[in-house]
Structure formats: structure tokens, C-alpha cells
Amino acid sequence: MPTYLGIDVGGTKVAMRLEGTGADPAESTFRWPPPGDPNQDLAALGSHLRRLLDAWSGPVEAAGVAVPATLGPAGQVLSWPNRPSWTGLDLGARLRELIPDTRVFCQDDGDLAALAEAAEGGYRDLLYLGVGTGVGGGVVLDGRPQPRPGRGSAEVGHVVVDRSGPRCDCGRRGCVQALASGPAMLRTAAELRGRAVGAEDLREGLERAEPWATEARDRGCAALATVAVSLAEVLRPEAVLIGGGAAAVPGLLPTVAAMTAAMSRPGHPAPPVRPAALGALSSLRGALLLAAGA
């Protein structure tokens, strides 16, 4: 059985997994150093990758890499707000240097997450929303990720839902990401509370039903429900799945589901909103499917 490597390049951490050769899978995770020199970032990636590969016997057939950055057709980074110093980096070439004699394929992390969730749940038509450091997403129609290769990725997080809303990392106002990402909900909570709010503060505030916490969550949920209903009018998915780290915010998923259902119109019920089956592992599983040529 060939060995495949999956790498999920996140905004704050990187997860890697090796599968194949009949052995138990091997995994490794590390957090990025503070944003700065991309050479320092790649050195950290290479160090952790070597440790993982050194403990594995046999060659790696192919590697799939899930990336949150906007990539050009040759694998160069066009934009990544979380690590702006990566702009212009030939990521494909640098990764091939780190994994010689291995075929390396890079693709948008939201697209790969959607592919993995569709495979896991048996969906032919799916809209996936990944809520974390940003808001990613992906679309699968008739079992295939959309848009087709070479036409970019499904930038669900940059669908505009409020033209007068807060400014997004991309420079536009009112993107879903600017309203519903984990950091966006924390910023809203801080404004409403009048002081800084961390993730644990928000969780505790929601458990106590503090008005500032529920309002911050519900504003983010309203943006997610709006994009879900709007895209469903065009895509007609079987379901909308929500994953990512911020999906664990207390009450987020049922609130989005209720808001989405409330926006149904006669003869056109809104699609059901469900939790992602793979949780935080969607993009990593998608990267492995990419490596295997699925």
C-alpha cells in the first residue's frame, strides 16, 4: 500500500499525518512561530516534517497540502493576510525541496475540507463552512469540488453580507470572515463588554448567558446563516456543514441552524445545517485524499 502524507497548513498551527504501508498512521502538530520571515516558518515546518518522516519506514508516494492562502496556478502565494510576508513565495517549489522524490500537490484548505466531508457523509452536493481563525469553505457538486481546477477556490469567507460592516483582512468591508470568524466574534464581544475578551471569557459568558456574549455570538451566526441561505439559492446543496475550531463556541451551530431555517421561503426550504463529521480534521483528511488522487 503506498504511503501518503497530508499537511494542513493553518493560520496558527500545522498538522501532518502519514498513512500507508500497513502501519499505524503517524501524526505531528506544531504551532507557527510569530509572523515574520517565511524562511523561519519553512525551517520550522522542515524540522517537524523531518522528525515525522525519519520515524517512518519507506518512501512517500505523494503529499497533499491544504493551504489557507490564495495560490497562483504554479503554487506561488498571492495573498495570506495571517502571514503577509509569504506573498510571492513559491510554496510548491519550497515544499518539494523539503520532501524530495515526492509528488506534492497544494490546494485551498476549504475546498479540501468540503471534499473530505462529502466523502465522509456520502454527499454529492455540499456546502461547507469552516469557522476558525478565518472563515473558509468549500463547495462540492455532483461529487466534485468547485470551481474546477485552475479557476481558483470557493472563497466562501469573502462573500459580502454587509457592505457597511467591519473591514476584512482582505481590505473589503462586510465579508463573512470579518463578522463570523473566531477573532471577529471576540472583537465584537470586547466592544459590547467594554474590555478585552479571550476565547475562554466568551465561552464562560455564553454559559452564563451574559448579554454581551450571546449578542457577539448571534451576530456571527447571523452572518453565517445569511451566506448559507444565499449560496443555497444558487447551489442547492443537500446540506450545509459547519466545522473548524470556532464551531465549538457554545450554541453556535443550533443558532445558525435556526436562523437559516427562519429564512426559508415558500417552496424553497433552506438546507439543513449540520456539524462537520470530521470536526477540526476536515482539511487534513482532504489533504490525504488529494495526495491519494481522490
C-alpha atoms as a PDB file:
ATOM      1  CA  MET A   1       0.000   0.000   0.000  1.00  0.00           C
ATOM      2  CA  PRO A   2       1.534   3.397  -0.969  1.00  0.00           C
ATOM      3  CA  THR A   3       2.323   5.952   1.733  1.00  0.00           C
ATOM      4  CA  TYR A   4       0.588   9.311   1.552  1.00  0.00           C
ATOM      5  CA  LEU A   5       1.339  12.478   3.503  1.00  0.00           C
ATOM      6  CA  GLY A   6      -1.268  15.062   4.415  1.00  0.00           C
ATOM      7  CA  ILE A   7      -0.298  18.528   5.646  1.00  0.00           C
ATOM      8  CA  ASP A   8      -2.864  21.026   6.934  1.00  0.00           C
ATOM      9  CA  VAL A   9      -1.272  24.483   6.987  1.00  0.00           C
ATOM     10  CA  GLY A  10      -3.418  26.513   9.369  1.00  0.00           C
ATOM     11  CA  GLY A  11      -3.322  30.118  10.436  1.00  0.00           C
ATOM     12  CA  THR A  12      -1.871  29.298  13.861  1.00  0.00           C
ATOM     13  CA  LYS A  13      -0.667  25.705  13.605  1.00  0.00           C
ATOM     14  CA  VAL A  14       0.269  22.919  11.194  1.00  0.00           C
ATOM     15  CA  ALA A  15      -0.973  19.325  11.359  1.00  0.00           C
ATOM     16  CA  MET A  16       0.647  16.431   9.472  1.00  0.00           C
ATOM     17  CA  ARG A  17      -0.354  12.797   9.024  1.00  0.00           C
ATOM     18  CA  LEU A  18       1.245   9.813   7.273  1.00  0.00           C
ATOM     19  CA  GLU A  19      -0.856   6.832   6.193  1.00  0.00           C
ATOM     20  CA  GLY A  20       0.052   3.619   4.382  1.00  0.00           C
ATOM     21  CA  THR A  21       2.347   0.573   4.279  1.00  0.00           C
ATOM     22  CA  GLY A  22       0.043  -1.293   6.636  1.00  0.00           C
ATOM     23  CA  ALA A  23       1.466   0.515   9.671  1.00  0.00           C
ATOM     24  CA  ASP A  24      -0.398   2.679  12.131  1.00  0.00           C
ATOM     25  CA  PRO A  25      -0.748   6.287  10.941  1.00  0.00           C
ATOM     26  CA  ALA A  26       1.813   8.775  12.267  1.00  0.00           C
ATOM     27  CA  GLU A  27       0.896  12.342  13.182  1.00  0.00           C
ATOM     28  CA  SER A  28       2.585  15.551  14.276  1.00  0.00           C
ATOM     29  CA  THR A  29       1.359  19.058  15.115  1.00  0.00           C
ATOM     30  CA  PHE A  30       3.178  22.300  15.855  1.00  0.00           C
ATOM     31  CA  ARG A  31       2.346  25.977  16.239  1.00  0.00           C
ATOM     32  CA  TRP A  32       3.806  28.567  13.900  1.00  0.00           C
ATOM     33  CA  PRO A  33       6.419  30.957  15.260  1.00  0.00           C
ATOM     34  CA  PRO A  34       5.333  34.628  15.409  1.00  0.00           C
ATOM     35  CA  PRO A  35       4.719  36.018  11.901  1.00  0.00           C
ATOM     36  CA  GLY A  36       7.943  37.168  10.304  1.00  0.00           C
ATOM     37  CA  ASP A  37      10.438  35.659   7.915  1.00  0.00           C
ATOM     38  CA  PRO A  38       8.943  32.918   5.701  1.00  0.00           C
ATOM     39  CA  ASN A  39      12.325  31.180   5.725  1.00  0.00           C
ATOM     40  CA  GLN A  40      11.985  30.826   9.500  1.00  0.00           C
ATOM     41  CA  ASP A  41       8.474  29.415   9.051  1.00  0.00           C
ATOM     42  CA  LEU A  42       9.630  26.877   6.464  1.00  0.00           C
ATOM     43  CA  ALA A  43      12.598  25.914   8.624  1.00  0.00           C
ATOM     44  CA  ALA A  44      10.154  25.079  11.443  1.00  0.00           C
ATOM     45  CA  LEU A  45       7.981  23.113   9.026  1.00  0.00           C
ATOM     46  CA  GLY A  46      11.001  21.255   7.672  1.00  0.00           C
ATOM     47  CA  SER A  47      12.269  20.378  11.145  1.00  0.00           C
ATOM     48  CA  HIS A  48       8.960  18.860  12.277  1.00  0.00           C
ATOM     49  CA  LEU A  49       8.485  17.165   8.922  1.00  0.00           C
ATOM     50  CA  ARG A  50      11.910  15.503   9.056  1.00  0.00           C
ATOM     51  CA  ARG A  51      11.189  14.121  12.520  1.00  0.00           C
ATOM     52  CA  LEU A  52       7.922  12.655  11.281  1.00  0.00           C
ATOM     53  CA  LEU A  53       9.478  11.142   8.147  1.00  0.00           C
ATOM     54  CA  ASP A  54      12.567   9.827   9.956  1.00  0.00           C
ATOM     55  CA  ALA A  55      10.307   7.749  12.191  1.00  0.00           C
ATOM     56  CA  TRP A  56       8.564   6.232   9.147  1.00  0.00           C
ATOM     57  CA  SER A  57       9.982   3.436   7.026  1.00  0.00           C
ATOM     58  CA  GLY A  58       9.719   3.624   3.260  1.00  0.00           C
ATOM     59  CA  PRO A  59       9.201   6.348   0.651  1.00  0.00           C
ATOM     60  CA  VAL A  60       6.237   8.705   0.478  1.00  0.00           C
ATOM     61  CA  GLU A  61       4.296   8.374  -2.780  1.00  0.00           C
ATOM     62  CA  ALA A  62       2.635  11.788  -2.702  1.00  0.00           C
ATOM     63  CA  ALA A  63       1.850  14.686  -0.376  1.00  0.00           C
ATOM     64  CA  GLY A  64      -1.312  16.745  -0.295  1.00  0.00           C
ATOM     65  CA  VAL A  65      -1.111  20.180   1.305  1.00  0.00           C
ATOM     66  CA  ALA A  66      -4.155  22.147   2.488  1.00  0.00           C
ATOM     67  CA  VAL A  67      -3.343  25.870   2.390  1.00  0.00           C
ATOM     68  CA  PRO A  68      -5.392  28.857   3.662  1.00  0.00           C
ATOM     69  CA  ALA A  69      -3.520  31.257   1.352  1.00  0.00           C
ATOM     70  CA  THR A  70      -4.573  32.296  -2.135  1.00  0.00           C
ATOM     71  CA  LEU A  71      -2.291  30.442  -4.549  1.00  0.00           C
ATOM     72  CA  GLY A  72      -1.416  31.107  -8.167  1.00  0.00           C
ATOM     73  CA  PRO A  73      -1.526  28.318 -10.754  1.00  0.00           C
ATOM     74  CA  ALA A  74       2.166  27.492 -10.229  1.00  0.00           C
ATOM     75  CA  GLY A  75       1.840  27.288  -6.449  1.00  0.00           C
ATOM     76  CA  GLN A  76       3.036  30.791  -5.587  1.00  0.00           C
ATOM     77  CA  VAL A  77       1.378  32.622  -2.684  1.00  0.00           C
ATOM     78  CA  LEU A  78      -0.657  35.569  -3.961  1.00  0.00           C
ATOM     79  CA  SER A  79      -2.124  36.554  -0.591  1.00  0.00           C
ATOM     80  CA  TRP A  80      -2.228  35.344   3.006  1.00  0.00           C
ATOM     81  CA  PRO A  81      -3.338  38.037   5.499  1.00  0.00           C
ATOM     82  CA  ASN A  82      -2.246  35.953   8.513  1.00  0.00           C
ATOM     83  CA  ARG A  83       1.329  35.806   7.179  1.00  0.00           C
ATOM     84  CA  PRO A  84       1.748  38.670   4.691  1.00  0.00           C
ATOM     85  CA  SER A  85       5.484  38.020   4.398  1.00  0.00           C
ATOM     86  CA  TRP A  86       4.628  34.865   2.433  1.00  0.00           C
ATOM     87  CA  THR A  87       3.307  36.919  -0.513  1.00  0.00           C
ATOM     88  CA  GLY A  88       5.269  35.934  -3.609  1.00  0.00           C
ATOM     89  CA  LEU A  89       6.653  32.764  -2.004  1.00  0.00           C
ATOM     90  CA  ASP A  90       6.892  29.813  -4.414  1.00  0.00           C
ATOM     91  CA  LEU A  91       5.317  27.447  -1.918  1.00  0.00           C
ATOM     92  CA  GLY A  92       5.098  24.488  -4.281  1.00  0.00           C
ATOM     93  CA  ALA A  93       8.816  24.604  -5.069  1.00  0.00           C
ATOM     94  CA  ARG A  94       9.810  25.099  -1.426  1.00  0.00           C
ATOM     95  CA  LEU A  95       7.704  22.151  -0.323  1.00  0.00           C
ATOM     96  CA  ARG A  96       9.243  19.944  -2.993  1.00  0.00           C
ATOM     97  CA  GLU A  97      12.651  20.882  -1.589  1.00  0.00           C
ATOM     98  CA  LEU A  98      11.503  19.735   1.859  1.00  0.00           C
ATOM     99  CA  ILE A  99      10.082  16.447   0.520  1.00  0.00           C
ATOM    100  CA  PRO A 100      12.388  15.381  -2.327  1.00  0.00           C
ATOM    101  CA  ASP A 101      11.343  12.470  -4.565  1.00  0.00           C
ATOM    102  CA  THR A 102       7.705  13.014  -3.562  1.00  0.00           C
ATOM    103  CA  ARG A 103       4.894  14.426  -5.699  1.00  0.00           C
ATOM    104  CA  VAL A 104       3.471  17.472  -3.929  1.00  0.00           C
ATOM    105  CA  PHE A 105       0.004  18.935  -4.558  1.00  0.00           C
ATOM    106  CA  CYS A 106      -1.351  22.111  -2.941  1.00  0.00           C
ATOM    107  CA  GLN A 107      -4.987  23.163  -2.763  1.00  0.00           C
ATOM    108  CA  ASP A 108      -7.219  25.501  -0.781  1.00  0.00           C
ATOM    109  CA  ASP A 109      -7.959  24.143   2.695  1.00  0.00           C
ATOM    110  CA  GLY A 110     -11.691  24.903   2.466  1.00  0.00           C
ATOM    111  CA  ASP A 111     -12.023  23.069  -0.835  1.00  0.00           C
ATOM    112  CA  LEU A 112     -10.254  20.027   0.613  1.00  0.00           C
ATOM    113  CA  ALA A 113     -12.323  20.120   3.801  1.00  0.00           C
ATOM    114  CA  ALA A 114     -15.504  20.088   1.723  1.00  0.00           C
ATOM    115  CA  LEU A 115     -14.194  17.152  -0.315  1.00  0.00           C
ATOM    116  CA  ALA A 116     -13.386  15.182   2.837  1.00  0.00           C
ATOM    117  CA  GLU A 117     -16.746  15.933   4.451  1.00  0.00           C
ATOM    118  CA  ALA A 118     -18.622  14.938   1.297  1.00  0.00           C
ATOM    119  CA  ALA A 119     -16.734  11.650   1.178  1.00  0.00           C
ATOM    120  CA  GLU A 120     -17.322  11.000   4.879  1.00  0.00           C
ATOM    121  CA  GLY A 121     -21.039  11.784   4.788  1.00  0.00           C
ATOM    122  CA  GLY A 122     -21.832  10.407   1.340  1.00  0.00           C
ATOM    123  CA  TYR A 123     -22.971  13.789  -0.017  1.00  0.00           C
ATOM    124  CA  ARG A 124     -22.969  14.544  -3.747  1.00  0.00           C
ATOM    125  CA  ASP A 125     -23.819  18.237  -3.283  1.00  0.00           C
ATOM    126  CA  LEU A 126     -22.486  20.040  -0.235  1.00  0.00           C
ATOM    127  CA  LEU A 127     -21.678  23.496   1.136  1.00  0.00           C
ATOM    128  CA  TYR A 128     -19.036  23.514   3.854  1.00  0.00           C
ATOM    129  CA  LEU A 129     -18.232  26.430   6.189  1.00  0.00           C
ATOM    130  CA  GLY A 130     -15.045  26.270   8.257  1.00  0.00           C
ATOM    131  CA  VAL A 131     -15.120  28.769  11.124  1.00  0.00           C
ATOM    132  CA  GLY A 132     -11.804  29.372  12.864  1.00  0.00           C
ATOM    133  CA  THR A 133      -9.055  31.990  12.666  1.00  0.00           C
ATOM    134  CA  GLY A 134     -10.818  32.978   9.451  1.00  0.00           C
ATOM    135  CA  VAL A 135     -13.873  31.651   7.660  1.00  0.00           C
ATOM    136  CA  GLY A 136     -13.056  29.170   4.935  1.00  0.00           C
ATOM    137  CA  GLY A 137     -15.352  26.979   2.970  1.00  0.00           C
ATOM    138  CA  GLY A 138     -15.842  24.758   0.021  1.00  0.00           C
ATOM    139  CA  VAL A 139     -18.418  23.522  -2.441  1.00  0.00           C
ATOM    140  CA  VAL A 140     -18.904  20.014  -3.792  1.00  0.00           C
ATOM    141  CA  LEU A 141     -21.340  19.500  -6.675  1.00  0.00           C
ATOM    142  CA  ASP A 142     -22.011  16.091  -8.210  1.00  0.00           C
ATOM    143  CA  GLY A 143     -19.188  14.706  -6.084  1.00  0.00           C
ATOM    144  CA  ARG A 144     -16.552  17.149  -7.372  1.00  0.00           C
ATOM    145  CA  PRO A 145     -15.013  20.224  -5.720  1.00  0.00           C
ATOM    146  CA  GLN A 146     -15.990  23.539  -7.312  1.00  0.00           C
ATOM    147  CA  PRO A 147     -14.795  25.617  -9.043  1.00  0.00           C
ATOM    148  CA  ARG A 148     -12.943  23.333 -11.398  1.00  0.00           C
ATOM    149  CA  PRO A 149      -9.119  23.202 -11.205  1.00  0.00           C
ATOM    150  CA  GLY A 150      -7.403  26.313 -12.486  1.00  0.00           C
ATOM    151  CA  ARG A 151     -10.343  28.606 -11.656  1.00  0.00           C
ATOM    152  CA  GLY A 152      -9.383  29.399  -8.062  1.00  0.00           C
ATOM    153  CA  SER A 153     -11.131  28.249  -4.904  1.00  0.00           C
ATOM    154  CA  ALA A 154     -14.559  28.671  -3.321  1.00  0.00           C
ATOM    155  CA  GLU A 155     -13.864  31.789  -1.246  1.00  0.00           C
ATOM    156  CA  VAL A 156     -16.946  31.470   0.925  1.00  0.00           C
ATOM    157  CA  GLY A 157     -15.416  33.591   3.684  1.00  0.00           C
ATOM    158  CA  HIS A 158     -15.178  36.576   1.339  1.00  0.00           C
ATOM    159  CA  VAL A 159     -18.814  36.641   0.299  1.00  0.00           C
ATOM    160  CA  VAL A 160     -20.045  40.102   1.291  1.00  0.00           C
ATOM    161  CA  VAL A 161     -23.077  40.035   3.599  1.00  0.00           C
ATOM    162  CA  ASP A 162     -22.945  43.627   4.941  1.00  0.00           C
ATOM    163  CA  ARG A 163     -21.438  46.369   2.738  1.00  0.00           C
ATOM    164  CA  SER A 164     -21.260  48.736   5.729  1.00  0.00           C
ATOM    165  CA  GLY A 165     -19.829  46.072   8.016  1.00  0.00           C
ATOM    166  CA  PRO A 166     -16.361  45.860   9.584  1.00  0.00           C
ATOM    167  CA  ARG A 167     -13.282  45.806   7.386  1.00  0.00           C
ATOM    168  CA  CYS A 168     -11.990  42.360   6.481  1.00  0.00           C
ATOM    169  CA  ASP A 169      -8.322  41.341   6.321  1.00  0.00           C
ATOM    170  CA  CYS A 170      -8.726  41.357   2.527  1.00  0.00           C
ATOM    171  CA  GLY A 171      -9.443  45.116   2.580  1.00  0.00           C
ATOM    172  CA  ARG A 172     -13.161  44.918   1.790  1.00  0.00           C
ATOM    173  CA  ARG A 173     -15.978  45.611   4.206  1.00  0.00           C
ATOM    174  CA  GLY A 174     -18.615  43.168   5.355  1.00  0.00           C
ATOM    175  CA  CYS A 175     -17.126  39.814   4.330  1.00  0.00           C
ATOM    176  CA  VAL A 176     -18.447  36.855   6.301  1.00  0.00           C
ATOM    177  CA  GLN A 177     -14.952  36.403   7.726  1.00  0.00           C
ATOM    178  CA  ALA A 178     -14.975  39.937   9.172  1.00  0.00           C
ATOM    179  CA  LEU A 179     -18.178  39.144  11.078  1.00  0.00           C
ATOM    180  CA  ALA A 180     -18.141  35.445  11.944  1.00  0.00           C
ATOM    181  CA  SER A 181     -14.546  34.245  12.425  1.00  0.00           C
ATOM    182  CA  GLY A 182     -13.331  33.431  15.917  1.00  0.00           C
ATOM    183  CA  PRO A 183     -11.328  36.688  16.211  1.00  0.00           C
ATOM    184  CA  ALA A 184     -14.270  38.666  14.784  1.00  0.00           C
ATOM    185  CA  MET A 185     -16.643  37.341  17.445  1.00  0.00           C
ATOM    186  CA  LEU A 186     -14.069  38.138  20.153  1.00  0.00           C
ATOM    187  CA  ARG A 187     -13.713  41.706  18.834  1.00  0.00           C
ATOM    188  CA  THR A 188     -17.483  42.159  18.873  1.00  0.00           C
ATOM    189  CA  ALA A 189     -17.669  40.748  22.412  1.00  0.00           C
ATOM    190  CA  ALA A 190     -14.935  43.146  23.578  1.00  0.00           C
ATOM    191  CA  GLU A 191     -16.784  46.131  22.092  1.00  0.00           C
ATOM    192  CA  LEU A 192     -20.025  45.102  23.786  1.00  0.00           C
ATOM    193  CA  ARG A 193     -18.390  44.283  27.121  1.00  0.00           C
ATOM    194  CA  GLY A 194     -16.093  47.289  27.191  1.00  0.00           C
ATOM    195  CA  ARG A 195     -12.882  45.329  27.764  1.00  0.00           C
ATOM    196  CA  ALA A 196     -10.734  42.638  26.174  1.00  0.00           C
ATOM    197  CA  VAL A 197     -12.354  39.211  25.737  1.00  0.00           C
ATOM    198  CA  GLY A 198     -10.500  35.948  25.191  1.00  0.00           C
ATOM    199  CA  ALA A 199     -11.886  32.662  23.909  1.00  0.00           C
ATOM    200  CA  GLU A 200     -12.378  31.282  27.417  1.00  0.00           C
ATOM    201  CA  ASP A 201     -14.061  34.519  28.530  1.00  0.00           C
ATOM    202  CA  LEU A 202     -16.544  34.191  25.663  1.00  0.00           C
ATOM    203  CA  ARG A 203     -17.222  30.553  26.480  1.00  0.00           C
ATOM    204  CA  GLU A 204     -17.871  31.329  30.138  1.00  0.00           C
ATOM    205  CA  GLY A 205     -20.018  34.322  29.199  1.00  0.00           C
ATOM    206  CA  LEU A 206     -22.167  32.150  26.947  1.00  0.00           C
ATOM    207  CA  GLU A 207     -22.546  29.514  29.643  1.00  0.00           C
ATOM    208  CA  ARG A 208     -23.798  32.250  31.979  1.00  0.00           C
ATOM    209  CA  ALA A 209     -25.980  33.720  29.195  1.00  0.00           C
ATOM    210  CA  GLU A 210     -24.299  37.114  29.519  1.00  0.00           C
ATOM    211  CA  PRO A 211     -25.942  39.550  27.051  1.00  0.00           C
ATOM    212  CA  TRP A 212     -22.601  40.757  25.623  1.00  0.00           C
ATOM    213  CA  ALA A 213     -21.564  37.150  24.892  1.00  0.00           C
ATOM    214  CA  THR A 214     -24.830  35.971  23.336  1.00  0.00           C
ATOM    215  CA  GLU A 215     -25.058  39.118  21.183  1.00  0.00           C
ATOM    216  CA  ALA A 216     -21.484  38.657  19.920  1.00  0.00           C
ATOM    217  CA  ARG A 217     -22.148  35.040  19.023  1.00  0.00           C
ATOM    218  CA  ASP A 218     -25.503  35.771  17.430  1.00  0.00           C
ATOM    219  CA  ARG A 219     -24.075  38.490  15.176  1.00  0.00           C
ATOM    220  CA  GLY A 220     -21.553  35.988  13.866  1.00  0.00           C
ATOM    221  CA  CYS A 221     -24.267  33.357  13.476  1.00  0.00           C
ATOM    222  CA  ALA A 222     -26.426  35.791  11.502  1.00  0.00           C
ATOM    223  CA  ALA A 223     -23.601  36.301   9.004  1.00  0.00           C
ATOM    224  CA  LEU A 224     -23.095  32.544   8.646  1.00  0.00           C
ATOM    225  CA  ALA A 225     -26.834  31.938   8.182  1.00  0.00           C
ATOM    226  CA  THR A 226     -27.023  34.713   5.591  1.00  0.00           C
ATOM    227  CA  VAL A 227     -24.225  33.267   3.467  1.00  0.00           C
ATOM    228  CA  ALA A 228     -25.636  29.743   3.843  1.00  0.00           C
ATOM    229  CA  VAL A 229     -29.082  30.767   2.591  1.00  0.00           C
ATOM    230  CA  SER A 230     -27.718  32.994  -0.177  1.00  0.00           C
ATOM    231  CA  LEU A 231     -25.380  30.358  -1.623  1.00  0.00           C
ATOM    232  CA  ALA A 232     -28.042  27.675  -1.248  1.00  0.00           C
ATOM    233  CA  GLU A 233     -30.285  29.643  -3.618  1.00  0.00           C
ATOM    234  CA  VAL A 234     -27.648  29.104  -6.321  1.00  0.00           C
ATOM    235  CA  LEU A 235     -26.025  25.779  -5.403  1.00  0.00           C
ATOM    236  CA  ARG A 236     -28.959  23.781  -3.960  1.00  0.00           C
ATOM    237  CA  PRO A 237     -26.780  21.673  -1.632  1.00  0.00           C
ATOM    238  CA  GLU A 238     -28.119  18.684   0.255  1.00  0.00           C
ATOM    239  CA  ALA A 239     -26.783  20.191   3.473  1.00  0.00           C
ATOM    240  CA  VAL A 240     -24.627  22.928   4.941  1.00  0.00           C
ATOM    241  CA  LEU A 241     -21.917  21.600   7.248  1.00  0.00           C
ATOM    242  CA  ILE A 242     -20.112  23.766   9.782  1.00  0.00           C
ATOM    243  CA  GLY A 243     -16.673  22.840  11.084  1.00  0.00           C
ATOM    244  CA  GLY A 244     -13.482  24.493  12.290  1.00  0.00           C
ATOM    245  CA  GLY A 245     -12.303  25.364  15.781  1.00  0.00           C
ATOM    246  CA  ALA A 246     -14.814  28.159  16.394  1.00  0.00           C
ATOM    247  CA  ALA A 247     -17.692  25.784  15.610  1.00  0.00           C
ATOM    248  CA  ALA A 248     -17.263  24.621  19.218  1.00  0.00           C
ATOM    249  CA  VAL A 249     -18.488  28.014  20.504  1.00  0.00           C
ATOM    250  CA  PRO A 250     -21.439  27.111  22.761  1.00  0.00           C
ATOM    251  CA  GLY A 251     -24.728  27.339  20.898  1.00  0.00           C
ATOM    252  CA  LEU A 252     -23.198  28.405  17.590  1.00  0.00           C
ATOM    253  CA  LEU A 253     -24.423  25.544  15.434  1.00  0.00           C
ATOM    254  CA  PRO A 254     -28.042  25.407  16.653  1.00  0.00           C
ATOM    255  CA  THR A 255     -28.259  29.186  16.385  1.00  0.00           C
ATOM    256  CA  VAL A 256     -27.052  29.148  12.769  1.00  0.00           C
ATOM    257  CA  ALA A 257     -29.437  26.271  12.015  1.00  0.00           C
ATOM    258  CA  ALA A 258     -32.417  28.144  13.482  1.00  0.00           C
ATOM    259  CA  MET A 259     -31.553  31.397  11.696  1.00  0.00           C
ATOM    260  CA  THR A 260     -31.075  29.563   8.401  1.00  0.00           C
ATOM    261  CA  ALA A 261     -34.385  27.720   8.697  1.00  0.00           C
ATOM    262  CA  ALA A 262     -36.149  31.013   9.527  1.00  0.00           C
ATOM    263  CA  MET A 263     -35.037  32.419   6.149  1.00  0.00           C
ATOM    264  CA  SER A 264     -36.772  29.694   4.133  1.00  0.00           C
ATOM    265  CA  ARG A 265     -39.244  30.925   1.532  1.00  0.00           C
ATOM    266  CA  PRO A 266     -42.373  29.189   0.199  1.00  0.00           C
ATOM    267  CA  GLY A 267     -41.459  26.206  -1.917  1.00  0.00           C
ATOM    268  CA  HIS A 268     -37.753  26.659  -1.194  1.00  0.00           C
ATOM    269  CA  PRO A 269     -36.842  25.342   2.249  1.00  0.00           C
ATOM    270  CA  ALA A 270     -33.368  26.261   3.424  1.00  0.00           C
ATOM    271  CA  PRO A 271     -30.951  23.327   3.545  1.00  0.00           C
ATOM    272  CA  PRO A 272     -30.328  21.612   6.883  1.00  0.00           C
ATOM    273  CA  VAL A 273     -27.333  22.865   8.868  1.00  0.00           C
ATOM    274  CA  ARG A 274     -25.276  20.086  10.449  1.00  0.00           C
ATOM    275  CA  PRO A 275     -21.956  19.722  12.260  1.00  0.00           C
ATOM    276  CA  ALA A 276     -18.967  18.646  10.202  1.00  0.00           C
ATOM    277  CA  ALA A 277     -18.426  14.939  10.822  1.00  0.00           C
ATOM    278  CA  LEU A 278     -14.637  15.258  10.853  1.00  0.00           C
ATOM    279  CA  GLY A 279     -14.520  18.301  13.096  1.00  0.00           C
ATOM    280  CA  ALA A 280     -11.143  20.017  13.076  1.00  0.00           C
ATOM    281  CA  LEU A 281      -9.675  17.223  10.907  1.00  0.00           C
ATOM    282  CA  SER A 282     -11.593  18.024   7.714  1.00  0.00           C
ATOM    283  CA  SER A 283      -8.767  19.826   5.888  1.00  0.00           C
ATOM    284  CA  LEU A 284      -6.157  17.271   6.943  1.00  0.00           C
ATOM    285  CA  ARG A 285      -8.325  14.384   5.709  1.00  0.00           C
ATOM    286  CA  GLY A 286      -8.896  16.310   2.477  1.00  0.00           C
ATOM    287  CA  ALA A 287      -5.138  16.761   2.055  1.00  0.00           C
ATOM    288  CA  LEU A 288      -4.708  12.982   2.290  1.00  0.00           C
ATOM    289  CA  LEU A 289      -7.438  12.477  -0.330  1.00  0.00           C
ATOM    290  CA  LEU A 290      -5.627  14.954  -2.566  1.00  0.00           C
ATOM    291  CA  ALA A 291      -2.392  13.006  -2.146  1.00  0.00           C
ATOM    292  CA  ALA A 292      -4.147   9.764  -2.999  1.00  0.00           C
ATOM    293  CA  GLY A 293      -5.652  11.323  -6.132  1.00  0.00           C
ATOM    294  CA  ALA A 294      -9.243  11.123  -4.945  1.00  0.00           C
END
